Amino acid sequence: MNIKPLEDRILVKPLEAGETKKGGIIIPDSAKEKPEEGKVIAVGTGKILENGTKKPLSVKKGDIVMFAKYAGNEITIDGDKHLIMREEDVLAIIEK
């Protein structure tokens, strides 16, 4: 499946957090924190401003980003979970 986000939206694949154990107890998937980092898979063409001009996005395909905990809409592509969100939901670009 090929998805192209529109305007100022981006498609992000959340990065999986490592399995956390506290006191020898394995925490089930349902109780784990939602990942807040992900890899940008696709980006839209840019935000359309009130004057009709298009502002390019700050993020690009391949960037690792930090996003708000409950940002975006979750979708499944080929069995993998992804998020479609607006660029304004991105808090930072992580440079490694």
Protein backbone atom coordinates (compact mmCIF):
# COMPACT_ATOMS: atom_id res chain seq x y z
CA MET A 1 0.00 0.00 0.00
CA ASN A 2 1.30 3.47 -0.89
CA ILE A 3 0.07 6.44 1.19
CA LYS A 4 0.86 10.09 0.41
CA PRO A 5 -0.06 12.49 3.25
CA LEU A 6 -1.77 15.72 2.24
CA GLU A 7 -0.65 19.28 2.97
CA ASP A 8 1.05 19.55 6.41
CA ARG A 9 0.51 15.92 7.45
CA ILE A 10 3.23 13.31 7.87
CA LEU A 11 3.23 9.50 8.08
CA VAL A 12 5.29 8.20 11.03
CA LYS A 13 6.19 4.65 12.02
CA PRO A 14 6.53 4.59 15.84
CA LEU A 15 9.78 3.13 17.16
CA GLU A 16 9.24 0.26 19.57
CA ALA A 17 10.34 0.80 23.15
CA GLY A 18 12.27 -2.03 24.76
CA GLU A 19 10.38 -4.43 27.00
CA THR A 20 10.30 -3.00 30.51
CA LYS A 21 10.47 -5.11 33.64
CA LYS A 22 9.83 -3.82 37.13
CA GLY A 23 10.56 -6.06 40.10
CA GLY A 24 10.83 -9.10 37.84
CA ILE A 25 7.30 -8.60 36.44
CA ILE A 26 6.89 -8.40 32.68
CA ILE A 27 4.62 -5.51 31.78
CA PRO A 28 1.97 -6.54 29.18
CA ASP A 29 1.70 -4.64 25.89
CA SER A 30 -1.60 -3.09 26.97
CA ALA A 31 0.09 -1.41 29.96
CA LYS A 32 3.22 -0.15 28.19
CA GLU A 33 3.63 3.53 27.44
CA LYS A 34 2.85 4.55 23.89
CA PRO A 35 6.08 5.29 21.95
CA GLU A 36 6.84 8.96 21.50
CA GLU A 37 9.53 8.61 18.85
CA GLY A 38 9.18 7.49 15.29
CA LYS A 39 10.64 7.50 11.80
CA VAL A 40 9.07 9.73 9.16
CA ILE A 41 7.95 7.51 6.26
CA ALA A 42 6.26 10.13 4.04
CA VAL A 43 5.49 13.86 4.12
CA GLY A 44 2.86 16.08 2.54
CA THR A 45 3.54 18.99 0.21
CA GLY A 46 3.41 21.70 2.89
CA LYS A 47 1.04 23.91 4.83
CA ILE A 48 -1.12 26.34 2.88
CA LEU A 49 -1.00 29.75 4.57
CA GLU A 50 -3.86 32.26 4.72
CA ASN A 51 -2.38 34.26 1.83
CA GLY A 52 -2.43 31.14 -0.38
CA THR A 53 1.31 30.44 -0.38
CA LYS A 54 2.65 27.05 0.58
CA LYS A 55 5.12 26.74 3.49
CA PRO A 56 7.40 23.68 3.12
CA LEU A 57 7.61 21.23 6.03
CA SER A 58 10.55 21.22 8.43
CA VAL A 59 10.66 17.40 8.60
CA LYS A 60 11.64 15.12 5.74
CA LYS A 61 11.42 11.44 4.94
CA GLY A 62 13.84 9.42 7.09
CA ASP A 63 13.93 11.86 10.04
CA ILE A 64 13.58 10.45 13.56
CA VAL A 65 11.09 12.65 15.41
CA MET A 66 9.71 13.07 18.91
CA PHE A 67 5.96 13.69 19.00
CA ALA A 68 3.22 14.41 21.51
CA LYS A 69 2.09 11.31 23.41
CA TYR A 70 -1.40 11.08 21.91
CA ALA A 71 -0.68 12.74 18.56
CA GLY A 72 -2.09 11.59 15.25
CA ASN A 73 -4.43 8.91 14.03
CA GLU A 74 -3.29 5.29 14.16
CA ILE A 75 -3.55 3.26 10.96
CA THR A 76 -2.27 -0.18 9.94
CA ILE A 77 -0.26 -0.60 6.74
CA ASP A 78 0.77 -4.12 5.74
CA GLY A 79 0.34 -5.28 9.36
CA ASP A 80 2.48 -2.48 10.87
CA LYS A 81 1.10 0.36 12.98
CA HIS A 82 1.70 3.90 11.71
CA LEU A 83 0.51 7.37 12.68
CA ILE A 84 -0.73 10.14 10.43
CA MET A 85 -0.26 13.48 12.17
CA ARG A 86 0.15 17.15 11.47
CA GLU A 87 3.65 18.59 11.51
CA GLU A 88 2.64 20.79 14.47
CA ASP A 89 2.36 17.58 16.59
CA VAL A 90 6.10 16.99 16.13
CA LEU A 91 8.03 18.31 19.12
CA ALA A 92 11.59 17.79 17.83
CA ILE A 93 13.78 16.16 15.22
CA ILE A 94 16.26 13.78 16.87
CA GLU A 95 19.76 13.92 15.40
CA LYS A 96 21.96 10.92 16.13
